[in-house]
Structures are given as structure tokens and as C-alpha cells.
Amino acid sequence: MYFLNNYNDILSIIRDSIRNYLSNNQLKSVVLGMSGGIDSALVAAIVKPVCDELNIPLIGRSITIESNKGDEIDRSIKTGLAFCKDFDHIDLSIGYRLVIYDINRNNFKYDSDNFSSKIRNGNVKARLRMLTLYNLASLTGGIVMGTENLTEYHLGFFTIGGDEVSDFEPIKYLWKTEVYNLAEWMVNNDLKTNIEKEALQECIDANATDGLGISNTDLDQILPDWRDRHSNTRSGYKEVDEIFIKLFTSDDNTFKELKNHPVIQRYLRSDFKRKRPICIEREKFK
């Protein structure tokens, strides 16, 4: 099974890339949404020393909207305070309800309390969060730092126009398993203070949630029977990653074997999200 384990090199490459990008573009801030999950906590831990070196603020915002759980909010605040120079916790629940009312004003028949409605409303939450972060980046002359990983990319586990939007994606090509492993390595080898170590470790230990109120954990949507085999979402995600690696490194017979697996079914159903936008080539107009 192929997982990267040269964590010191990985961390150096990511930080060098961020440093060069920020310097070359004369950017004045980095804005990051702090969800209380492992991805945003890891990105904050990676970016903080670079921002400190360049003397620009890492601006973190915990943006809760109605359905966020208490422990999730607590972790987002703890990691935000540990890593961000400018941090605040804001609640957009009132604004979200107004938006939901306005966009559904003439479509009440679609606003039923079912799974489809939860997905739709969850997408609105993700887009409101990104609107908030980009407004802040514009205000401070900076960029929005992304938190997508390779597993979620292949699962289509992102919102178009929401958490899939960013200016720099430092961990997009790391499997979720590698995200956990790199974070654990940083706790033991890179972070300087106990406050930082405790904040990141709490996110490593916590079960991953979607932050949108759609399901209790990410894996409830991705791998419905994960609790039959795993005690936490970290090990569940390892199973998901191993399925993807097996698919991408094997022959057509493997695809036939795996094509009905829920992970691969989700991968196939979300293919349109990875291929967007669809554009008509200029040559066709001639």
C-alpha cells in the first residue's frame, strides 16, 4: 500500500511553496476557515510559521451556522486561538435563515425536511462561509487558504462555489490518511508549544464531521457501514483511501470488482464536479 511517509520533506515542500507564493505576489494576509476538523487544523499549523516569518497575519474564522455541534465549535476556537494571529468566532445562523427564506420564497414545495433538502441547505452554508472568507481576504489584501484533500476530491465531498473555492490548496494531493499521519508527525516533531500540540491532537482524535448538519460524521455519507469495522473515522478513512489506491493502481478487472462499492459509486456519481466547468472550445465557432 502506497502512503507517503517522508513527512519532514513534505512539510518543507509545502511551506516553501506557500512562502514563495505569498512573497512573489506581495500578499498581505492569509485567511483560513477553522472548522474544528483535522484538515483546517493541519493547514493552520503548516501556515503559521510561514506567516510569522513574512510578518503577515494568519486570519482565522470559525463560522458556525445553526447545525454545528458543541465539540466541533470548541475545537475550531481552540485551534484558531492556537495558530491564528487574528481569530474570531462568528455565527451566521440568522443570515443563513434569511437567505434560505429568500431563495426558496417561490419554491416552498422543494424545502422539505429530507436528505436532499439537507444537502441543498448544506451547500448554502458552505457558500456563505466562503463568501465571508473571501470578503475578509479582499479587505486585508490576502488570499483564502484551502483545506481540501485528495480523498475528499475523489469522493466529490465538497461544495461547488463553497469549500472547493480557494487560492492555494496546500494538502489537496494528500490522502486523508496522510493528512492524519502528517498532523501526528507535526505534533511530535514540529510544533513548539503545548497549546499548539493539544489543539492539533484534539482534531486528530475527533471523529470527522461535515460541518453542514447533513450527517453525524463524514463517513456516514461515504461509507455507511464503517462502524461495523472501525472505532473512529481515521481508520475508516484509511479503508476508503486503500480502496481508491487499489482502483487507481490496478487493471480493468479490479474496476469491475469494485464498481458497485459505495465509495466507487460516489466517485463515479461525482465525476462531473471534477470536470467542471464544461467549456466549448473556441475552434468550434470557426
C-alpha atoms as a PDB file:
ATOM      1  CA  MET A   1       0.000   0.000   0.000  1.00  0.00           C
ATOM      2  CA  TYR A   2       1.400   3.368  -1.032  1.00  0.00           C
ATOM      3  CA  PHE A   3       1.253   6.155   1.520  1.00  0.00           C
ATOM      4  CA  LEU A   4       3.890   8.873   1.744  1.00  0.00           C
ATOM      5  CA  ASN A   5       5.896   8.887   4.957  1.00  0.00           C
ATOM      6  CA  ASN A   6       8.667  11.440   4.323  1.00  0.00           C
ATOM      7  CA  TYR A   7       6.858  13.966   6.489  1.00  0.00           C
ATOM      8  CA  ASN A   8       9.775  16.324   7.046  1.00  0.00           C
ATOM      9  CA  ASP A   9      10.249  16.680   3.283  1.00  0.00           C
ATOM     10  CA  ILE A  10       6.516  17.040   2.670  1.00  0.00           C
ATOM     11  CA  LEU A  11       6.240  19.793   5.259  1.00  0.00           C
ATOM     12  CA  SER A  12       9.277  21.647   3.873  1.00  0.00           C
ATOM     13  CA  ILE A  13       7.957  21.474   0.305  1.00  0.00           C
ATOM     14  CA  ILE A  14       4.523  22.770   1.304  1.00  0.00           C
ATOM     15  CA  ARG A  15       5.928  25.618   3.407  1.00  0.00           C
ATOM     16  CA  ASP A  16       8.448  26.623   0.730  1.00  0.00           C
ATOM     17  CA  SER A  17       5.671  26.701  -1.870  1.00  0.00           C
ATOM     18  CA  ILE A  18       3.438  28.847   0.351  1.00  0.00           C
ATOM     19  CA  ARG A  19       6.317  31.176   1.241  1.00  0.00           C
ATOM     20  CA  ASN A  20       7.253  31.710  -2.411  1.00  0.00           C
ATOM     21  CA  TYR A  21       3.660  32.293  -3.475  1.00  0.00           C
ATOM     22  CA  LEU A  22       2.972  34.835  -0.756  1.00  0.00           C
ATOM     23  CA  SER A  23       6.247  36.674  -1.344  1.00  0.00           C
ATOM     24  CA  ASN A  24       6.093  36.693  -5.142  1.00  0.00           C
ATOM     25  CA  ASN A  25       2.553  38.071  -5.113  1.00  0.00           C
ATOM     26  CA  GLN A  26       3.199  40.558  -2.295  1.00  0.00           C
ATOM     27  CA  LEU A  27       0.197  39.291  -0.356  1.00  0.00           C
ATOM     28  CA  LYS A  28      -0.617  40.861   2.981  1.00  0.00           C
ATOM     29  CA  SER A  29      -2.634  38.167   4.745  1.00  0.00           C
ATOM     30  CA  VAL A  30      -3.757  34.545   4.706  1.00  0.00           C
ATOM     31  CA  VAL A  31      -7.405  33.838   5.532  1.00  0.00           C
ATOM     32  CA  LEU A  32      -8.461  30.401   6.733  1.00  0.00           C
ATOM     33  CA  GLY A  33     -11.780  28.927   7.811  1.00  0.00           C
ATOM     34  CA  MET A  34     -11.371  26.983  11.050  1.00  0.00           C
ATOM     35  CA  SER A  35     -13.898  24.143  11.141  1.00  0.00           C
ATOM     36  CA  GLY A  36     -12.681  22.188  14.152  1.00  0.00           C
ATOM     37  CA  GLY A  37     -11.644  19.356  11.833  1.00  0.00           C
ATOM     38  CA  ILE A  38      -8.273  17.854  11.058  1.00  0.00           C
ATOM     39  CA  ASP A  39      -7.834  19.485   7.636  1.00  0.00           C
ATOM     40  CA  SER A  40      -8.151  23.128   8.676  1.00  0.00           C
ATOM     41  CA  ALA A  41      -6.180  22.490  11.884  1.00  0.00           C
ATOM     42  CA  LEU A  42      -3.329  20.923   9.914  1.00  0.00           C
ATOM     43  CA  VAL A  43      -3.295  23.746   7.358  1.00  0.00           C
ATOM     44  CA  ALA A  44      -3.197  26.318  10.168  1.00  0.00           C
ATOM     45  CA  ALA A  45      -0.251  24.512  11.787  1.00  0.00           C
ATOM     46  CA  ILE A  46       1.562  24.407   8.448  1.00  0.00           C
ATOM     47  CA  VAL A  47       0.952  28.041   7.522  1.00  0.00           C
ATOM     48  CA  LYS A  48       1.539  29.752  10.878  1.00  0.00           C
ATOM     49  CA  PRO A  49       5.381  29.752  10.820  1.00  0.00           C
ATOM     50  CA  VAL A  50       5.410  30.996   7.227  1.00  0.00           C
ATOM     51  CA  CYS A  51       3.119  33.902   8.058  1.00  0.00           C
ATOM     52  CA  ASP A  52       5.180  34.693  11.161  1.00  0.00           C
ATOM     53  CA  GLU A  53       8.375  34.697   9.097  1.00  0.00           C
ATOM     54  CA  LEU A  54       6.864  37.026   6.479  1.00  0.00           C
ATOM     55  CA  ASN A  55       5.232  39.179   9.172  1.00  0.00           C
ATOM     56  CA  ILE A  56       1.748  38.849   7.731  1.00  0.00           C
ATOM     57  CA  PRO A  57      -1.298  37.765   9.744  1.00  0.00           C
ATOM     58  CA  LEU A  58      -2.868  34.338   9.574  1.00  0.00           C
ATOM     59  CA  ILE A  59      -6.512  35.326   9.909  1.00  0.00           C
ATOM     60  CA  GLY A  60      -8.771  32.531  11.115  1.00  0.00           C
ATOM     61  CA  ARG A  61     -12.536  32.480  11.370  1.00  0.00           C
ATOM     62  CA  SER A  62     -14.735  29.838  12.966  1.00  0.00           C
ATOM     63  CA  ILE A  63     -18.012  30.302  11.116  1.00  0.00           C
ATOM     64  CA  THR A  64     -20.886  28.415  12.695  1.00  0.00           C
ATOM     65  CA  ILE A  65     -24.299  28.141  11.079  1.00  0.00           C
ATOM     66  CA  GLU A  66     -27.128  26.578  13.050  1.00  0.00           C
ATOM     67  CA  SER A  67     -26.174  22.888  12.921  1.00  0.00           C
ATOM     68  CA  ASN A  68     -22.576  22.889  14.198  1.00  0.00           C
ATOM     69  CA  LYS A  69     -22.044  20.725  17.270  1.00  0.00           C
ATOM     70  CA  GLY A  70     -20.620  21.993  20.531  1.00  0.00           C
ATOM     71  CA  ASP A  71     -17.415  19.933  20.466  1.00  0.00           C
ATOM     72  CA  GLU A  72     -16.838  20.930  16.851  1.00  0.00           C
ATOM     73  CA  ILE A  73     -17.140  24.620  17.763  1.00  0.00           C
ATOM     74  CA  ASP A  74     -14.863  24.172  20.785  1.00  0.00           C
ATOM     75  CA  ARG A  75     -12.131  22.632  18.612  1.00  0.00           C
ATOM     76  CA  SER A  76     -12.460  25.337  15.992  1.00  0.00           C
ATOM     77  CA  ILE A  77     -11.977  28.012  18.644  1.00  0.00           C
ATOM     78  CA  LYS A  78      -9.098  26.176  20.306  1.00  0.00           C
ATOM     79  CA  THR A  79      -7.197  25.678  17.040  1.00  0.00           C
ATOM     80  CA  GLY A  80      -7.980  29.208  15.903  1.00  0.00           C
ATOM     81  CA  LEU A  81      -6.567  30.701  19.085  1.00  0.00           C
ATOM     82  CA  ALA A  82      -3.539  28.390  18.970  1.00  0.00           C
ATOM     83  CA  PHE A  83      -2.438  29.153  15.417  1.00  0.00           C
ATOM     84  CA  CYS A  84      -4.017  32.371  14.147  1.00  0.00           C
ATOM     85  CA  LYS A  85      -2.759  35.877  14.781  1.00  0.00           C
ATOM     86  CA  ASP A  86      -6.232  37.302  14.139  1.00  0.00           C
ATOM     87  CA  PHE A  87      -9.059  34.979  15.146  1.00  0.00           C
ATOM     88  CA  ASP A  88     -12.771  35.299  15.754  1.00  0.00           C
ATOM     89  CA  HIS A  89     -15.791  33.040  16.085  1.00  0.00           C
ATOM     90  CA  ILE A  90     -18.847  34.285  14.219  1.00  0.00           C
ATOM     91  CA  ASP A  91     -22.350  32.888  13.862  1.00  0.00           C
ATOM     92  CA  LEU A  92     -24.130  33.303  10.524  1.00  0.00           C
ATOM     93  CA  SER A  93     -27.302  31.448  11.520  1.00  0.00           C
ATOM     94  CA  ILE A  94     -29.593  34.488  11.225  1.00  0.00           C
ATOM     95  CA  GLY A  95     -28.197  35.469   7.844  1.00  0.00           C
ATOM     96  CA  TYR A  96     -28.457  31.877   6.679  1.00  0.00           C
ATOM     97  CA  ARG A  97     -32.145  31.652   7.598  1.00  0.00           C
ATOM     98  CA  LEU A  98     -32.832  34.893   5.723  1.00  0.00           C
ATOM     99  CA  VAL A  99     -31.034  33.587   2.640  1.00  0.00           C
ATOM    100  CA  ILE A 100     -32.884  30.262   2.790  1.00  0.00           C
ATOM    101  CA  TYR A 101     -36.181  32.125   3.066  1.00  0.00           C
ATOM    102  CA  ASP A 102     -35.394  34.425   0.139  1.00  0.00           C
ATOM    103  CA  ILE A 103     -34.098  31.816  -2.292  1.00  0.00           C
ATOM    104  CA  ASN A 104     -36.987  29.467  -1.502  1.00  0.00           C
ATOM    105  CA  ARG A 105     -39.686  32.136  -1.422  1.00  0.00           C
ATOM    106  CA  ASN A 106     -41.346  30.821  -4.569  1.00  0.00           C
ATOM    107  CA  ASN A 107     -40.214  27.229  -4.177  1.00  0.00           C
ATOM    108  CA  PHE A 108     -41.600  26.069  -0.845  1.00  0.00           C
ATOM    109  CA  LYS A 109     -42.549  22.712  -2.347  1.00  0.00           C
ATOM    110  CA  TYR A 110     -38.813  21.943  -2.575  1.00  0.00           C
ATOM    111  CA  ASP A 111     -37.995  22.945   1.006  1.00  0.00           C
ATOM    112  CA  SER A 112     -38.999  19.712   2.719  1.00  0.00           C
ATOM    113  CA  ASP A 113     -37.006  18.236   5.591  1.00  0.00           C
ATOM    114  CA  ASN A 114     -35.431  15.317   3.744  1.00  0.00           C
ATOM    115  CA  PHE A 115     -31.893  14.262   2.829  1.00  0.00           C
ATOM    116  CA  SER A 116     -31.959  16.142  -0.467  1.00  0.00           C
ATOM    117  CA  SER A 117     -33.012  19.304   1.342  1.00  0.00           C
ATOM    118  CA  LYS A 118     -30.186  18.861   3.874  1.00  0.00           C
ATOM    119  CA  ILE A 119     -27.665  18.585   1.040  1.00  0.00           C
ATOM    120  CA  ARG A 120     -29.050  21.685  -0.655  1.00  0.00           C
ATOM    121  CA  ASN A 121     -29.109  23.733   2.540  1.00  0.00           C
ATOM    122  CA  GLY A 122     -25.662  22.443   3.479  1.00  0.00           C
ATOM    123  CA  ASN A 123     -24.341  23.781   0.191  1.00  0.00           C
ATOM    124  CA  VAL A 124     -25.795  27.195   1.035  1.00  0.00           C
ATOM    125  CA  LYS A 125     -23.918  27.108   4.356  1.00  0.00           C
ATOM    126  CA  ALA A 126     -20.622  26.269   2.620  1.00  0.00           C
ATOM    127  CA  ARG A 127     -21.093  29.089   0.121  1.00  0.00           C
ATOM    128  CA  LEU A 128     -21.902  31.604   2.842  1.00  0.00           C
ATOM    129  CA  ARG A 129     -18.745  30.616   4.683  1.00  0.00           C
ATOM    130  CA  MET A 130     -16.645  31.075   1.562  1.00  0.00           C
ATOM    131  CA  LEU A 131     -18.300  34.434   0.843  1.00  0.00           C
ATOM    132  CA  THR A 132     -17.294  35.529   4.340  1.00  0.00           C
ATOM    133  CA  LEU A 133     -13.691  34.372   3.926  1.00  0.00           C
ATOM    134  CA  TYR A 134     -13.240  35.988   0.515  1.00  0.00           C
ATOM    135  CA  ASN A 135     -14.704  39.255   1.748  1.00  0.00           C
ATOM    136  CA  LEU A 136     -12.136  39.197   4.540  1.00  0.00           C
ATOM    137  CA  ALA A 137      -9.306  38.359   2.132  1.00  0.00           C
ATOM    138  CA  SER A 138     -10.301  41.287  -0.079  1.00  0.00           C
ATOM    139  CA  LEU A 139     -10.466  43.580   2.932  1.00  0.00           C
ATOM    140  CA  THR A 140      -6.960  42.606   4.103  1.00  0.00           C
ATOM    141  CA  GLY A 141      -5.193  42.212   0.745  1.00  0.00           C
ATOM    142  CA  GLY A 142      -4.740  38.485   1.138  1.00  0.00           C
ATOM    143  CA  ILE A 143      -5.781  35.060  -0.087  1.00  0.00           C
ATOM    144  CA  VAL A 144      -8.060  32.296   1.108  1.00  0.00           C
ATOM    145  CA  MET A 145      -6.148  29.140   2.006  1.00  0.00           C
ATOM    146  CA  GLY A 146      -7.918  25.888   1.108  1.00  0.00           C
ATOM    147  CA  THR A 147      -8.250  22.685   3.121  1.00  0.00           C
ATOM    148  CA  GLU A 148      -9.269  20.075   0.532  1.00  0.00           C
ATOM    149  CA  ASN A 149      -7.534  16.689   0.491  1.00  0.00           C
ATOM    150  CA  LEU A 150      -7.222  14.050  -2.219  1.00  0.00           C
ATOM    151  CA  THR A 151      -9.739  11.656  -0.682  1.00  0.00           C
ATOM    152  CA  GLU A 152     -12.478  14.261  -0.488  1.00  0.00           C
ATOM    153  CA  TYR A 153     -11.649  15.425  -4.018  1.00  0.00           C
ATOM    154  CA  HIS A 154     -12.195  11.947  -5.457  1.00  0.00           C
ATOM    155  CA  LEU A 155     -15.347  11.485  -3.388  1.00  0.00           C
ATOM    156  CA  GLY A 156     -16.782  14.770  -4.628  1.00  0.00           C
ATOM    157  CA  PHE A 157     -17.063  15.628  -0.950  1.00  0.00           C
ATOM    158  CA  PHE A 158     -17.028  19.376  -1.492  1.00  0.00           C
ATOM    159  CA  THR A 159     -19.414  22.162  -2.458  1.00  0.00           C
ATOM    160  CA  ILE A 160     -19.019  23.858  -5.822  1.00  0.00           C
ATOM    161  CA  GLY A 161     -18.678  27.558  -5.066  1.00  0.00           C
ATOM    162  CA  GLY A 162     -18.148  26.735  -1.400  1.00  0.00           C
ATOM    163  CA  ASP A 163     -15.291  24.850   0.270  1.00  0.00           C
ATOM    164  CA  GLU A 164     -13.941  23.859  -3.150  1.00  0.00           C
ATOM    165  CA  VAL A 165     -13.068  27.506  -3.792  1.00  0.00           C
ATOM    166  CA  SER A 166      -9.702  28.838  -2.619  1.00  0.00           C
ATOM    167  CA  ASP A 167      -6.497  30.465  -3.858  1.00  0.00           C
ATOM    168  CA  PHE A 168      -3.980  27.932  -2.560  1.00  0.00           C
ATOM    169  CA  GLU A 169      -4.526  24.253  -1.714  1.00  0.00           C
ATOM    170  CA  PRO A 170      -1.558  23.001   0.341  1.00  0.00           C
ATOM    171  CA  ILE A 171      -2.856  19.471   1.090  1.00  0.00           C
ATOM    172  CA  LYS A 172      -5.084  18.755  -1.927  1.00  0.00           C
ATOM    173  CA  TYR A 173      -2.892  15.893  -3.162  1.00  0.00           C
ATOM    174  CA  LEU A 174      -2.500  14.172   0.188  1.00  0.00           C
ATOM    175  CA  TRP A 175      -4.788  11.269   1.022  1.00  0.00           C
ATOM    176  CA  LYS A 176      -6.827  11.755   4.191  1.00  0.00           C
ATOM    177  CA  THR A 177      -4.687   9.063   5.837  1.00  0.00           C
ATOM    178  CA  GLU A 178      -1.587  11.125   5.010  1.00  0.00           C
ATOM    179  CA  VAL A 179      -3.281  14.210   6.449  1.00  0.00           C
ATOM    180  CA  TYR A 180      -3.743  12.399   9.760  1.00  0.00           C
ATOM    181  CA  ASN A 181      -0.211  10.988   9.664  1.00  0.00           C
ATOM    182  CA  LEU A 182       1.411  14.338   8.842  1.00  0.00           C
ATOM    183  CA  ALA A 183      -0.550  16.035  11.619  1.00  0.00           C
ATOM    184  CA  GLU A 184       0.563  13.376  14.119  1.00  0.00           C
ATOM    185  CA  TRP A 185       4.176  13.751  12.978  1.00  0.00           C
ATOM    186  CA  MET A 186       3.969  17.532  13.457  1.00  0.00           C
ATOM    187  CA  VAL A 187       2.646  17.126  16.994  1.00  0.00           C
ATOM    188  CA  ASN A 188       5.696  15.029  17.838  1.00  0.00           C
ATOM    189  CA  ASN A 189       8.354  16.770  15.770  1.00  0.00           C
ATOM    190  CA  ASP A 190       7.425  20.260  14.621  1.00  0.00           C
ATOM    191  CA  LEU A 191       5.066  22.196  16.870  1.00  0.00           C
ATOM    192  CA  LYS A 192       6.697  24.331  19.537  1.00  0.00           C
ATOM    193  CA  THR A 193       4.102  24.905  22.250  1.00  0.00           C
ATOM    194  CA  ASN A 194       1.858  22.631  24.264  1.00  0.00           C
ATOM    195  CA  ILE A 195      -1.132  24.776  23.288  1.00  0.00           C
ATOM    196  CA  GLU A 196      -0.473  24.059  19.601  1.00  0.00           C
ATOM    197  CA  LYS A 197       0.167  20.365  20.205  1.00  0.00           C
ATOM    198  CA  GLU A 198      -3.001  19.894  22.274  1.00  0.00           C
ATOM    199  CA  ALA A 199      -5.157  21.765  19.759  1.00  0.00           C
ATOM    200  CA  LEU A 200      -3.959  19.714  16.789  1.00  0.00           C
ATOM    201  CA  GLN A 201      -4.077  16.434  18.727  1.00  0.00           C
ATOM    202  CA  GLU A 202      -7.727  17.021  19.644  1.00  0.00           C
ATOM    203  CA  CYS A 203      -8.565  17.319  15.953  1.00  0.00           C
ATOM    204  CA  ILE A 204      -6.616  14.139  15.186  1.00  0.00           C
ATOM    205  CA  ASP A 205      -8.568  12.236  17.840  1.00  0.00           C
ATOM    206  CA  ALA A 206     -12.006  13.591  16.935  1.00  0.00           C
ATOM    207  CA  ASN A 207     -14.381  11.893  14.505  1.00  0.00           C
ATOM    208  CA  ALA A 208     -14.606  13.844  11.258  1.00  0.00           C
ATOM    209  CA  THR A 209     -17.865  15.759  10.745  1.00  0.00           C
ATOM    210  CA  ASP A 210     -19.147  17.545   7.663  1.00  0.00           C
ATOM    211  CA  GLY A 211     -19.967  20.794   9.480  1.00  0.00           C
ATOM    212  CA  LEU A 212     -23.171  21.105   7.466  1.00  0.00           C
ATOM    213  CA  GLY A 213     -25.586  19.126   9.619  1.00  0.00           C
ATOM    214  CA  ILE A 214     -26.181  16.505   6.936  1.00  0.00           C
ATOM    215  CA  SER A 215     -24.908  13.504   8.925  1.00  0.00           C
ATOM    216  CA  ASN A 216     -23.195  12.746  12.237  1.00  0.00           C
ATOM    217  CA  THR A 217     -19.846  12.054  10.546  1.00  0.00           C
ATOM    218  CA  ASP A 218     -18.370  12.332   7.067  1.00  0.00           C
ATOM    219  CA  LEU A 219     -18.226   8.566   6.734  1.00  0.00           C
ATOM    220  CA  ASP A 220     -21.948   8.122   7.365  1.00  0.00           C
ATOM    221  CA  GLN A 221     -22.383   9.528   3.856  1.00  0.00           C
ATOM    222  CA  ILE A 222     -19.300   7.973   2.273  1.00  0.00           C
ATOM    223  CA  LEU A 223     -19.061   4.503   3.803  1.00  0.00           C
ATOM    224  CA  PRO A 224     -22.409   3.819   5.512  1.00  0.00           C
ATOM    225  CA  ASP A 225     -21.327   0.617   7.281  1.00  0.00           C
ATOM    226  CA  TRP A 226     -17.989   1.951   8.538  1.00  0.00           C
ATOM    227  CA  ARG A 227     -18.947   1.495  12.199  1.00  0.00           C
ATOM    228  CA  ASP A 228     -19.112  -2.273  11.663  1.00  0.00           C
ATOM    229  CA  ARG A 229     -15.334  -2.350  11.188  1.00  0.00           C
ATOM    230  CA  HIS A 230     -13.878   0.818  12.699  1.00  0.00           C
ATOM    231  CA  SER A 231     -13.874   2.578  16.041  1.00  0.00           C
ATOM    232  CA  ASN A 232     -13.115   6.021  14.601  1.00  0.00           C
ATOM    233  CA  THR A 233     -13.265   7.903  11.318  1.00  0.00           C
ATOM    234  CA  ARG A 234      -9.482   7.976  10.977  1.00  0.00           C
ATOM    235  CA  SER A 235      -9.291   4.220  10.454  1.00  0.00           C
ATOM    236  CA  GLY A 236     -12.456   4.357   8.356  1.00  0.00           C
ATOM    237  CA  TYR A 237     -10.841   6.861   6.028  1.00  0.00           C
ATOM    238  CA  LYS A 238      -7.842   4.549   5.721  1.00  0.00           C
ATOM    239  CA  GLU A 239     -10.182   1.918   4.280  1.00  0.00           C
ATOM    240  CA  VAL A 240     -11.539   4.497   1.817  1.00  0.00           C
ATOM    241  CA  ASP A 241      -8.018   5.506   0.769  1.00  0.00           C
ATOM    242  CA  GLU A 242      -6.973   1.889   0.285  1.00  0.00           C
ATOM    243  CA  ILE A 243      -9.986   1.319  -1.980  1.00  0.00           C
ATOM    244  CA  PHE A 244      -9.021   4.309  -4.123  1.00  0.00           C
ATOM    245  CA  ILE A 245      -5.372   3.307  -4.308  1.00  0.00           C
ATOM    246  CA  LYS A 246      -6.353  -0.211  -5.308  1.00  0.00           C
ATOM    247  CA  LEU A 247      -8.612   1.199  -8.019  1.00  0.00           C
ATOM    248  CA  PHE A 248      -6.038   3.615  -9.428  1.00  0.00           C
ATOM    249  CA  THR A 249      -3.101   1.185  -9.392  1.00  0.00           C
ATOM    250  CA  SER A 250      -4.799  -1.917 -10.784  1.00  0.00           C
ATOM    251  CA  ASP A 251      -6.263  -3.152 -14.057  1.00  0.00           C
ATOM    252  CA  ASP A 252      -9.762  -3.140 -15.542  1.00  0.00           C
ATOM    253  CA  ASN A 253     -10.670  -6.329 -13.705  1.00  0.00           C
ATOM    254  CA  THR A 254     -10.212  -4.505 -10.413  1.00  0.00           C
ATOM    255  CA  PHE A 255     -12.629  -1.814 -11.553  1.00  0.00           C
ATOM    256  CA  LYS A 256     -15.201  -4.466 -12.388  1.00  0.00           C
ATOM    257  CA  GLU A 257     -14.665  -5.945  -8.937  1.00  0.00           C
ATOM    258  CA  LEU A 258     -15.043  -2.609  -7.144  1.00  0.00           C
ATOM    259  CA  LYS A 259     -17.533  -0.704  -9.287  1.00  0.00           C
ATOM    260  CA  ASN A 260     -20.517  -1.446  -7.034  1.00  0.00           C
ATOM    261  CA  HIS A 261     -18.706  -0.472  -3.831  1.00  0.00           C
ATOM    262  CA  PRO A 262     -20.324   2.650  -2.257  1.00  0.00           C
ATOM    263  CA  VAL A 263     -17.017   4.560  -2.349  1.00  0.00           C
ATOM    264  CA  ILE A 264     -16.546   3.905  -6.060  1.00  0.00           C
ATOM    265  CA  GLN A 265     -20.199   4.614  -6.768  1.00  0.00           C
ATOM    266  CA  ARG A 266     -19.791   8.004  -5.119  1.00  0.00           C
ATOM    267  CA  TYR A 267     -16.591   8.571  -7.107  1.00  0.00           C
ATOM    268  CA  LEU A 268     -18.444   7.869 -10.373  1.00  0.00           C
ATOM    269  CA  ARG A 269     -21.505   9.953  -9.455  1.00  0.00           C
ATOM    270  CA  SER A 270     -19.364  12.976  -8.571  1.00  0.00           C
ATOM    271  CA  ASP A 271     -17.190  12.849 -11.700  1.00  0.00           C
ATOM    272  CA  PHE A 272     -18.959  15.900 -13.164  1.00  0.00           C
ATOM    273  CA  LYS A 273     -17.733  18.010 -10.230  1.00  0.00           C
ATOM    274  CA  ARG A 274     -14.097  17.259 -11.022  1.00  0.00           C
ATOM    275  CA  LYS A 275     -14.559  18.028 -14.741  1.00  0.00           C
ATOM    276  CA  ARG A 276     -16.276  21.379 -14.372  1.00  0.00           C
ATOM    277  CA  PRO A 277     -16.564  23.864 -15.888  1.00  0.00           C
ATOM    278  CA  ILE A 278     -17.530  22.422 -19.237  1.00  0.00           C
ATOM    279  CA  CYS A 279     -16.334  24.852 -21.922  1.00  0.00           C
ATOM    280  CA  ILE A 280     -16.903  24.941 -25.674  1.00  0.00           C
ATOM    281  CA  GLU A 281     -13.549  25.295 -27.422  1.00  0.00           C
ATOM    282  CA  ARG A 282     -13.129  28.445 -29.489  1.00  0.00           C
ATOM    283  CA  GLU A 283     -12.146  26.409 -32.550  1.00  0.00           C
ATOM    284  CA  LYS A 284     -15.678  25.047 -32.754  1.00  0.00           C
ATOM    285  CA  PHE A 285     -17.016  28.506 -33.542  1.00  0.00           C
ATOM    286  CA  LYS A 286     -14.853  28.912 -36.634  1.00  0.00           C
END
